[in-house]
Amino acid sequence: MTDCMVCLKHQELKKFTGKPIGELGGWLMTHFPVLDGVLATQGHLLIETQRHIQNFTDLSDEEAVSLGLLVREGTKWIQDQFKAEHVY
């Protein structure tokens, strides 16, 4: 889908976010992109599907399970990297 900002970003992912931190079951976990030259807060991660969806109800069972696993892994990564007590 060419008018979807996320789909367009994925076409040149490394330009915006660098190499993905994680990838699982149709999902990518990346750093928040650099926007207008402004860096995101350290530890600000994004988890996005590799395919275009309109709603979470469009997820397959595998994608839904993988999302939960990446949230857990991203939380652990932030805690390990930044010694964060809480991750939201």
PDB file of N, CA and C in Angstrom:
ATOM      1  N   MET A   1       0.860  -1.176   0.000  1.00  0.00           N
ATOM      2  CA  MET A   1       0.000   0.000   0.000  1.00  0.00           C
ATOM      3  C   MET A   1       0.901   1.233   0.000  1.00  0.00           C
ATOM      4  N   THR A   2       0.847   2.032  -1.023  1.00  0.00           N
ATOM      5  CA  THR A   2       1.804   3.116  -1.192  1.00  0.00           C
ATOM      6  C   THR A   2       1.504   4.369  -0.383  1.00  0.00           C
ATOM      7  N   ASP A   3       0.308   4.549   0.127  1.00  0.00           N
ATOM      8  CA  ASP A   3       0.010   5.755   0.895  1.00  0.00           C
ATOM      9  C   ASP A   3       0.105   5.533   2.403  1.00  0.00           C
ATOM     10  N   CYS A   4       0.554   4.387   2.820  1.00  0.00           N
ATOM     11  CA  CYS A   4       0.711   4.077   4.244  1.00  0.00           C
ATOM     12  C   CYS A   4       2.119   4.478   4.685  1.00  0.00           C
ATOM     13  N   MET A   5       2.208   5.382   5.667  1.00  0.00           N
ATOM     14  CA  MET A   5       3.506   5.878   6.133  1.00  0.00           C
ATOM     15  C   MET A   5       4.407   4.737   6.617  1.00  0.00           C
ATOM     16  N   VAL A   6       3.850   3.770   7.337  1.00  0.00           N
ATOM     17  CA  VAL A   6       4.638   2.659   7.863  1.00  0.00           C
ATOM     18  C   VAL A   6       5.154   1.785   6.719  1.00  0.00           C
ATOM     19  N   CYS A   7       4.298   1.488   5.747  1.00  0.00           N
ATOM     20  CA  CYS A   7       4.729   0.675   4.607  1.00  0.00           C
ATOM     21  C   CYS A   7       5.836   1.375   3.824  1.00  0.00           C
ATOM     22  N   LEU A   8       5.700   2.694   3.634  1.00  0.00           N
ATOM     23  CA  LEU A   8       6.743   3.450   2.939  1.00  0.00           C
ATOM     24  C   LEU A   8       8.048   3.428   3.728  1.00  0.00           C
ATOM     25  N   LYS A   9       7.962   3.571   5.032  1.00  0.00           N
ATOM     26  CA  LYS A   9       9.166   3.537   5.880  1.00  0.00           C
ATOM     27  C   LYS A   9       9.864   2.189   5.754  1.00  0.00           C
ATOM     28  N   HIS A  10       9.100   1.113   5.702  1.00  0.00           N
ATOM     29  CA  HIS A  10       9.689  -0.220   5.629  1.00  0.00           C
ATOM     30  C   HIS A  10      10.449  -0.450   4.323  1.00  0.00           C
ATOM     31  N   GLN A  11      10.107   0.289   3.282  1.00  0.00           N
ATOM     32  CA  GLN A  11      10.821   0.152   2.014  1.00  0.00           C
ATOM     33  C   GLN A  11      12.274   0.605   2.138  1.00  0.00           C
ATOM     34  N   GLU A  12      12.536   1.548   3.043  1.00  0.00           N
ATOM     35  CA  GLU A  12      13.896   2.044   3.270  1.00  0.00           C
ATOM     36  C   GLU A  12      14.174   2.080   4.772  1.00  0.00           C
ATOM     37  N   LEU A  13      13.934   0.960   5.435  1.00  0.00           N
ATOM     38  CA  LEU A  13      13.967   0.898   6.891  1.00  0.00           C
ATOM     39  C   LEU A  13      15.266   1.420   7.490  1.00  0.00           C
ATOM     40  N   LYS A  14      16.401   0.972   6.980  1.00  0.00           N
ATOM     41  CA  LYS A  14      17.685   1.361   7.582  1.00  0.00           C
ATOM     42  C   LYS A  14      17.913   2.867   7.516  1.00  0.00           C
ATOM     43  N   LYS A  15      17.358   3.518   6.510  1.00  0.00           N
ATOM     44  CA  LYS A  15      17.490   4.972   6.376  1.00  0.00           C
ATOM     45  C   LYS A  15      16.823   5.675   7.565  1.00  0.00           C
ATOM     46  N   PHE A  16      15.751   5.119   8.073  1.00  0.00           N
ATOM     47  CA  PHE A  16      14.978   5.765   9.134  1.00  0.00           C
ATOM     48  C   PHE A  16      15.329   5.273  10.534  1.00  0.00           C
ATOM     49  N   THR A  17      15.548   3.968  10.687  1.00  0.00           N
ATOM     50  CA  THR A  17      15.705   3.410  12.036  1.00  0.00           C
ATOM     51  C   THR A  17      16.979   2.619  12.244  1.00  0.00           C
ATOM     52  N   GLY A  18      17.722   2.356  11.187  1.00  0.00           N
ATOM     53  CA  GLY A  18      18.864   1.466  11.313  1.00  0.00           C
ATOM     54  C   GLY A  18      18.405   0.019  11.288  1.00  0.00           C
ATOM     55  N   LYS A  19      19.309  -0.867  11.565  1.00  0.00           N
ATOM     56  CA  LYS A  19      19.024  -2.300  11.545  1.00  0.00           C
ATOM     57  C   LYS A  19      17.984  -2.645  12.622  1.00  0.00           C
ATOM     58  N   PRO A  20      17.015  -3.520  12.302  1.00  0.00           N
ATOM     59  CA  PRO A  20      16.039  -3.912  13.324  1.00  0.00           C
ATOM     60  C   PRO A  20      16.718  -4.538  14.541  1.00  0.00           C
ATOM     61  N   ILE A  21      16.161  -4.287  15.717  1.00  0.00           N
ATOM     62  CA  ILE A  21      16.648  -4.891  16.957  1.00  0.00           C
ATOM     63  C   ILE A  21      16.174  -6.334  17.041  1.00  0.00           C
ATOM     64  N   GLY A  22      14.978  -6.569  16.551  1.00  0.00           N
ATOM     65  CA  GLY A  22      14.410  -7.902  16.575  1.00  0.00           C
ATOM     66  C   GLY A  22      13.428  -8.086  15.437  1.00  0.00           C
ATOM     67  N   GLU A  23      13.201  -9.343  15.091  1.00  0.00           N
ATOM     68  CA  GLU A  23      12.276  -9.684  14.022  1.00  0.00           C
ATOM     69  C   GLU A  23      11.696 -11.049  14.359  1.00  0.00           C
ATOM     70  N   LEU A  24      10.372 -11.150  14.335  1.00  0.00           N
ATOM     71  CA  LEU A  24       9.737 -12.412  14.696  1.00  0.00           C
ATOM     72  C   LEU A  24       8.321 -12.465  14.145  1.00  0.00           C
ATOM     73  N   GLY A  25       7.986 -13.558  13.481  1.00  0.00           N
ATOM     74  CA  GLY A  25       6.618 -13.842  13.072  1.00  0.00           C
ATOM     75  C   GLY A  25       5.903 -12.728  12.341  1.00  0.00           C
ATOM     76  N   GLY A  26       6.610 -12.023  11.463  1.00  0.00           N
ATOM     77  CA  GLY A  26       5.977 -10.966  10.693  1.00  0.00           C
ATOM     78  C   GLY A  26       6.055  -9.590  11.322  1.00  0.00           C
ATOM     79  N   TRP A  27       6.826  -9.457  12.407  1.00  0.00           N
ATOM     80  CA  TRP A  27       6.981  -8.184  13.114  1.00  0.00           C
ATOM     81  C   TRP A  27       8.427  -7.723  13.079  1.00  0.00           C
ATOM     82  N   LEU A  28       8.625  -6.406  13.104  1.00  0.00           N
ATOM     83  CA  LEU A  28       9.945  -5.801  13.254  1.00  0.00           C
ATOM     84  C   LEU A  28       9.949  -4.954  14.513  1.00  0.00           C
ATOM     85  N   MET A  29      11.018  -5.059  15.289  1.00  0.00           N
ATOM     86  CA  MET A  29      11.217  -4.179  16.437  1.00  0.00           C
ATOM     87  C   MET A  29      12.410  -3.296  16.099  1.00  0.00           C
ATOM     88  N   THR A  30      12.188  -1.980  16.110  1.00  0.00           N
ATOM     89  CA  THR A  30      13.221  -1.025  15.719  1.00  0.00           C
ATOM     90  C   THR A  30      13.301   0.113  16.733  1.00  0.00           C
ATOM     91  N   HIS A  31      14.377   0.878  16.613  1.00  0.00           N
ATOM     92  CA  HIS A  31      14.445   2.135  17.348  1.00  0.00           C
ATOM     93  C   HIS A  31      13.417   3.076  16.733  1.00  0.00           C
ATOM     94  N   PHE A  32      12.961   4.042  17.509  1.00  0.00           N
ATOM     95  CA  PHE A  32      12.096   5.076  16.964  1.00  0.00           C
ATOM     96  C   PHE A  32      12.883   5.815  15.891  1.00  0.00           C
ATOM     97  N   PRO A  33      12.265   6.166  14.773  1.00  0.00           N
ATOM     98  CA  PRO A  33      13.020   6.800  13.685  1.00  0.00           C
ATOM     99  C   PRO A  33      13.470   8.211  14.022  1.00  0.00           C
ATOM    100  N   VAL A  34      14.507   8.635  13.340  1.00  0.00           N
ATOM    101  CA  VAL A  34      14.945  10.024  13.413  1.00  0.00           C
ATOM    102  C   VAL A  34      13.956  10.831  12.575  1.00  0.00           C
ATOM    103  N   LEU A  35      13.348  11.829  13.183  1.00  0.00           N
ATOM    104  CA  LEU A  35      12.378  12.670  12.482  1.00  0.00           C
ATOM    105  C   LEU A  35      12.899  14.098  12.428  1.00  0.00           C
ATOM    106  N   ASP A  36      13.030  14.624  11.243  1.00  0.00           N
ATOM    107  CA  ASP A  36      13.534  15.992  11.051  1.00  0.00           C
ATOM    108  C   ASP A  36      14.836  16.226  11.805  1.00  0.00           C
ATOM    109  N   GLY A  37      15.692  15.190  11.851  1.00  0.00           N
ATOM    110  CA  GLY A  37      16.988  15.305  12.491  1.00  0.00           C
ATOM    111  C   GLY A  37      16.970  15.237  14.006  1.00  0.00           C
ATOM    112  N   VAL A  38      15.792  15.039  14.594  1.00  0.00           N
ATOM    113  CA  VAL A  38      15.662  14.976  16.054  1.00  0.00           C
ATOM    114  C   VAL A  38      15.629  13.505  16.480  1.00  0.00           C
ATOM    115  N   LEU A  39      16.555  13.131  17.347  1.00  0.00           N
ATOM    116  CA  LEU A  39      16.602  11.755  17.831  1.00  0.00           C
ATOM    117  C   LEU A  39      15.520  11.516  18.869  1.00  0.00           C
ATOM    118  N   ALA A  40      15.057  10.285  18.961  1.00  0.00           N
ATOM    119  CA  ALA A  40      14.053   9.911  19.951  1.00  0.00           C
ATOM    120  C   ALA A  40      14.704   9.735  21.315  1.00  0.00           C
ATOM    121  N   THR A  41      13.880   9.640  22.318  1.00  0.00           N
ATOM    122  CA  THR A  41      14.348   9.332  23.659  1.00  0.00           C
ATOM    123  C   THR A  41      14.997   7.957  23.650  1.00  0.00           C
ATOM    124  N   GLN A  42      16.107   7.797  24.372  1.00  0.00           N
ATOM    125  CA  GLN A  42      16.757   6.484  24.441  1.00  0.00           C
ATOM    126  C   GLN A  42      15.758   5.444  24.914  1.00  0.00           C
ATOM    127  N   GLY A  43      15.759   4.298  24.250  1.00  0.00           N
ATOM    128  CA  GLY A  43      14.888   3.201  24.634  1.00  0.00           C
ATOM    129  C   GLY A  43      13.503   3.263  24.031  1.00  0.00           C
ATOM    130  N   HIS A  44      13.219   4.251  23.197  1.00  0.00           N
ATOM    131  CA  HIS A  44      11.917   4.342  22.544  1.00  0.00           C
ATOM    132  C   HIS A  44      11.925   3.387  21.362  1.00  0.00           C
ATOM    133  N   LEU A  45      11.195   2.295  21.499  1.00  0.00           N
ATOM    134  CA  LEU A  45      11.163   1.264  20.468  1.00  0.00           C
ATOM    135  C   LEU A  45       9.805   1.231  19.780  1.00  0.00           C
ATOM    136  N   LEU A  46       9.807   0.756  18.553  1.00  0.00           N
ATOM    137  CA  LEU A  46       8.576   0.512  17.806  1.00  0.00           C
ATOM    138  C   LEU A  46       8.504  -0.956  17.435  1.00  0.00           C
ATOM    139  N   ILE A  47       7.316  -1.502  17.494  1.00  0.00           N
ATOM    140  CA  ILE A  47       7.064  -2.860  17.007  1.00  0.00           C
ATOM    141  C   ILE A  47       5.969  -2.727  15.954  1.00  0.00           C
ATOM    142  N   GLU A  48       6.300  -3.094  14.716  1.00  0.00           N
ATOM    143  CA  GLU A  48       5.389  -2.905  13.584  1.00  0.00           C
ATOM    144  C   GLU A  48       5.309  -4.177  12.748  1.00  0.00           C
ATOM    145  N   THR A  49       4.140  -4.415  12.174  1.00  0.00           N
ATOM    146  CA  THR A  49       3.994  -5.556  11.285  1.00  0.00           C
ATOM    147  C   THR A  49       4.761  -5.304   9.999  1.00  0.00           C
ATOM    148  N   GLN A  50       5.213  -6.387   9.386  1.00  0.00           N
ATOM    149  CA  GLN A  50       5.908  -6.270   8.109  1.00  0.00           C
ATOM    150  C   GLN A  50       4.920  -6.214   6.952  1.00  0.00           C
ATOM    151  N   ARG A  51       3.680  -6.520   7.227  1.00  0.00           N
ATOM    152  CA  ARG A  51       2.659  -6.427   6.179  1.00  0.00           C
ATOM    153  C   ARG A  51       1.636  -5.384   6.602  1.00  0.00           C
ATOM    154  N   HIS A  52       0.943  -4.834   5.644  1.00  0.00           N
ATOM    155  CA  HIS A  52      -0.044  -3.800   5.937  1.00  0.00           C
ATOM    156  C   HIS A  52      -1.292  -4.431   6.553  1.00  0.00           C
ATOM    157  N   ILE A  53      -1.719  -3.887   7.683  1.00  0.00           N
ATOM    158  CA  ILE A  53      -2.993  -4.273   8.300  1.00  0.00           C
ATOM    159  C   ILE A  53      -3.744  -2.995   8.681  1.00  0.00           C
ATOM    160  N   GLN A  54      -5.053  -3.111   8.787  1.00  0.00           N
ATOM    161  CA  GLN A  54      -5.879  -1.982   9.201  1.00  0.00           C
ATOM    162  C   GLN A  54      -6.114  -1.988  10.714  1.00  0.00           C
ATOM    163  N   ASN A  55      -6.241  -3.189  11.294  1.00  0.00           N
ATOM    164  CA  ASN A  55      -6.582  -3.351  12.713  1.00  0.00           C
ATOM    165  C   ASN A  55      -5.870  -4.566  13.287  1.00  0.00           C
ATOM    166  N   PHE A  56      -5.761  -4.605  14.598  1.00  0.00           N
ATOM    167  CA  PHE A  56      -5.188  -5.788  15.235  1.00  0.00           C
ATOM    168  C   PHE A  56      -6.043  -7.029  14.986  1.00  0.00           C
ATOM    169  N   THR A  57      -7.313  -6.849  14.678  1.00  0.00           N
ATOM    170  CA  THR A  57      -8.169  -8.002  14.375  1.00  0.00           C
ATOM    171  C   THR A  57      -7.774  -8.682  13.075  1.00  0.00           C
ATOM    172  N   ASP A  58      -6.941  -8.021  12.265  1.00  0.00           N
ATOM    173  CA  ASP A  58      -6.451  -8.614  11.016  1.00  0.00           C
ATOM    174  C   ASP A  58      -5.264  -9.551  11.232  1.00  0.00           C
ATOM    175  N   LEU A  59      -4.739  -9.611  12.465  1.00  0.00           N
ATOM    176  CA  LEU A  59      -3.567 -10.444  12.740  1.00  0.00           C
ATOM    177  C   LEU A  59      -3.906 -11.923  12.680  1.00  0.00           C
ATOM    178  N   SER A  60      -2.950 -12.690  12.176  1.00  0.00           N
ATOM    179  CA  SER A  60      -3.059 -14.147  12.274  1.00  0.00           C
ATOM    180  C   SER A  60      -2.733 -14.537  13.716  1.00  0.00           C
ATOM    181  N   ASP A  61      -3.035 -15.773  14.078  1.00  0.00           N
ATOM    182  CA  ASP A  61      -2.691 -16.249  15.425  1.00  0.00           C
ATOM    183  C   ASP A  61      -1.190 -16.163  15.662  1.00  0.00           C
ATOM    184  N   GLU A  62      -0.397 -16.529  14.652  1.00  0.00           N
ATOM    185  CA  GLU A  62       1.068 -16.473  14.779  1.00  0.00           C
ATOM    186  C   GLU A  62       1.541 -15.034  15.017  1.00  0.00           C
ATOM    187  N   GLU A  63       0.971 -14.088  14.281  1.00  0.00           N
ATOM    188  CA  GLU A  63       1.364 -12.690  14.453  1.00  0.00           C
ATOM    189  C   GLU A  63       0.991 -12.176  15.840  1.00  0.00           C
ATOM    190  N   ALA A  64      -0.172 -12.572  16.336  1.00  0.00           N
ATOM    191  CA  ALA A  64      -0.605 -12.125  17.665  1.00  0.00           C
ATOM    192  C   ALA A  64       0.324 -12.661  18.753  1.00  0.00           C
ATOM    193  N   VAL A  65       0.697 -13.917  18.652  1.00  0.00           N
ATOM    194  CA  VAL A  65       1.619 -14.512  19.629  1.00  0.00           C
ATOM    195  C   VAL A  65       2.992 -13.846  19.522  1.00  0.00           C
ATOM    196  N   SER A  66       3.470 -13.644  18.309  1.00  0.00           N
ATOM    197  CA  SER A  66       4.786 -13.034  18.100  1.00  0.00           C
ATOM    198  C   SER A  66       4.841 -11.616  18.643  1.00  0.00           C
ATOM    199  N   LEU A  67       3.750 -10.877  18.547  1.00  0.00           N
ATOM    200  CA  LEU A  67       3.710  -9.519  19.095  1.00  0.00           C
ATOM    201  C   LEU A  67       3.976  -9.550  20.602  1.00  0.00           C
ATOM    202  N   GLY A  68       3.305 -10.442  21.306  1.00  0.00           N
ATOM    203  CA  GLY A  68       3.515 -10.563  22.748  1.00  0.00           C
ATOM    204  C   GLY A  68       4.953 -10.922  23.090  1.00  0.00           C
ATOM    205  N   LEU A  69       5.538 -11.812  22.323  1.00  0.00           N
ATOM    206  CA  LEU A  69       6.927 -12.212  22.565  1.00  0.00           C
ATOM    207  C   LEU A  69       7.888 -11.045  22.329  1.00  0.00           C
ATOM    208  N   LEU A  70       7.641 -10.246  21.284  1.00  0.00           N
ATOM    209  CA  LEU A  70       8.520  -9.100  21.022  1.00  0.00           C
ATOM    210  C   LEU A  70       8.348  -8.002  22.068  1.00  0.00           C
ATOM    211  N   VAL A  71       7.135  -7.816  22.575  1.00  0.00           N
ATOM    212  CA  VAL A  71       6.943  -6.844  23.661  1.00  0.00           C
ATOM    213  C   VAL A  71       7.773  -7.272  24.866  1.00  0.00           C
ATOM    214  N   ARG A  72       7.734  -8.544  25.196  1.00  0.00           N
ATOM    215  CA  ARG A  72       8.523  -9.057  26.321  1.00  0.00           C
ATOM    216  C   ARG A  72      10.013  -8.886  26.076  1.00  0.00           C
ATOM    217  N   GLU A  73      10.487  -9.222  24.870  1.00  0.00           N
ATOM    218  CA  GLU A  73      11.906  -9.112  24.557  1.00  0.00           C
ATOM    219  C   GLU A  73      12.358  -7.650  24.509  1.00  0.00           C
ATOM    220  N   GLY A  74      11.513  -6.776  23.970  1.00  0.00           N
ATOM    221  CA  GLY A  74      11.841  -5.351  23.940  1.00  0.00           C
ATOM    222  C   GLY A  74      11.934  -4.773  25.342  1.00  0.00           C
ATOM    223  N   THR A  75      11.033  -5.193  26.214  1.00  0.00           N
ATOM    224  CA  THR A  75      11.057  -4.752  27.613  1.00  0.00           C
ATOM    225  C   THR A  75      12.353  -5.186  28.276  1.00  0.00           C
ATOM    226  N   LYS A  76      12.735  -6.445  28.061  1.00  0.00           N
ATOM    227  CA  LYS A  76      13.979  -6.960  28.640  1.00  0.00           C
ATOM    228  C   LYS A  76      15.182  -6.183  28.095  1.00  0.00           C
ATOM    229  N   TRP A  77      15.177  -5.900  26.801  1.00  0.00           N
ATOM    230  CA  TRP A  77      16.285  -5.165  26.181  1.00  0.00           C
ATOM    231  C   TRP A  77      16.420  -3.781  26.812  1.00  0.00           C
ATOM    232  N   ILE A  78      15.303  -3.072  26.976  1.00  0.00           N
ATOM    233  CA  ILE A  78      15.339  -1.736  27.580  1.00  0.00           C
ATOM    234  C   ILE A  78      15.826  -1.813  29.022  1.00  0.00           C
ATOM    235  N   GLN A  79      15.345  -2.801  29.774  1.00  0.00           N
ATOM    236  CA  GLN A  79      15.786  -2.949  31.166  1.00  0.00           C
ATOM    237  C   GLN A  79      17.279  -3.229  31.234  1.00  0.00           C
ATOM    238  N   ASP A  80      17.773  -4.089  30.368  1.00  0.00           N
ATOM    239  CA  ASP A  80      19.198  -4.432  30.364  1.00  0.00           C
ATOM    240  C   ASP A  80      20.066  -3.256  29.919  1.00  0.00           C
ATOM    241  N   GLN A  81      19.651  -2.555  28.866  1.00  0.00           N
ATOM    242  CA  GLN A  81      20.452  -1.470  28.297  1.00  0.00           C
ATOM    243  C   GLN A  81      20.464  -0.214  29.166  1.00  0.00           C
ATOM    244  N   PHE A  82      19.321   0.098  29.767  1.00  0.00           N
ATOM    245  CA  PHE A  82      19.174   1.382  30.457  1.00  0.00           C
ATOM    246  C   PHE A  82      18.882   1.243  31.945  1.00  0.00           C
ATOM    247  N   LYS A  83      18.896   0.003  32.445  1.00  0.00           N
ATOM    248  CA  LYS A  83      18.626  -0.255  33.874  1.00  0.00           C
ATOM    249  C   LYS A  83      17.286   0.376  34.297  1.00  0.00           C
ATOM    250  N   ALA A  84      16.313   0.343  33.381  1.00  0.00           N
ATOM    251  CA  ALA A  84      15.003   0.922  33.655  1.00  0.00           C
ATOM    252  C   ALA A  84      14.244   0.084  34.672  1.00  0.00           C
ATOM    253  N   GLU A  85      13.645   0.750  35.630  1.00  0.00           N
ATOM    254  CA  GLU A  85      12.834   0.054  36.626  1.00  0.00           C
ATOM    255  C   GLU A  85      11.453  -0.281  36.060  1.00  0.00           C
ATOM    256  N   HIS A  86      10.945   0.576  35.190  1.00  0.00           N
ATOM    257  CA  HIS A  86       9.614   0.385  34.602  1.00  0.00           C
ATOM    258  C   HIS A  86       9.702   0.626  33.108  1.00  0.00           C
ATOM    259  N   VAL A  87       8.963  -0.156  32.355  1.00  0.00           N
ATOM    260  CA  VAL A  87       8.893   0.010  30.917  1.00  0.00           C
ATOM    261  C   VAL A  87       7.422   0.028  30.529  1.00  0.00           C
ATOM    262  N   TYR A  88       7.028   1.045  29.791  1.00  0.00           N
ATOM    263  CA  TYR A  88       5.627   1.180  29.384  1.00  0.00           C
ATOM    264  C   TYR A  88       5.507   1.136  27.875  1.00  0.00           C
TER     265      TYR A  88
END
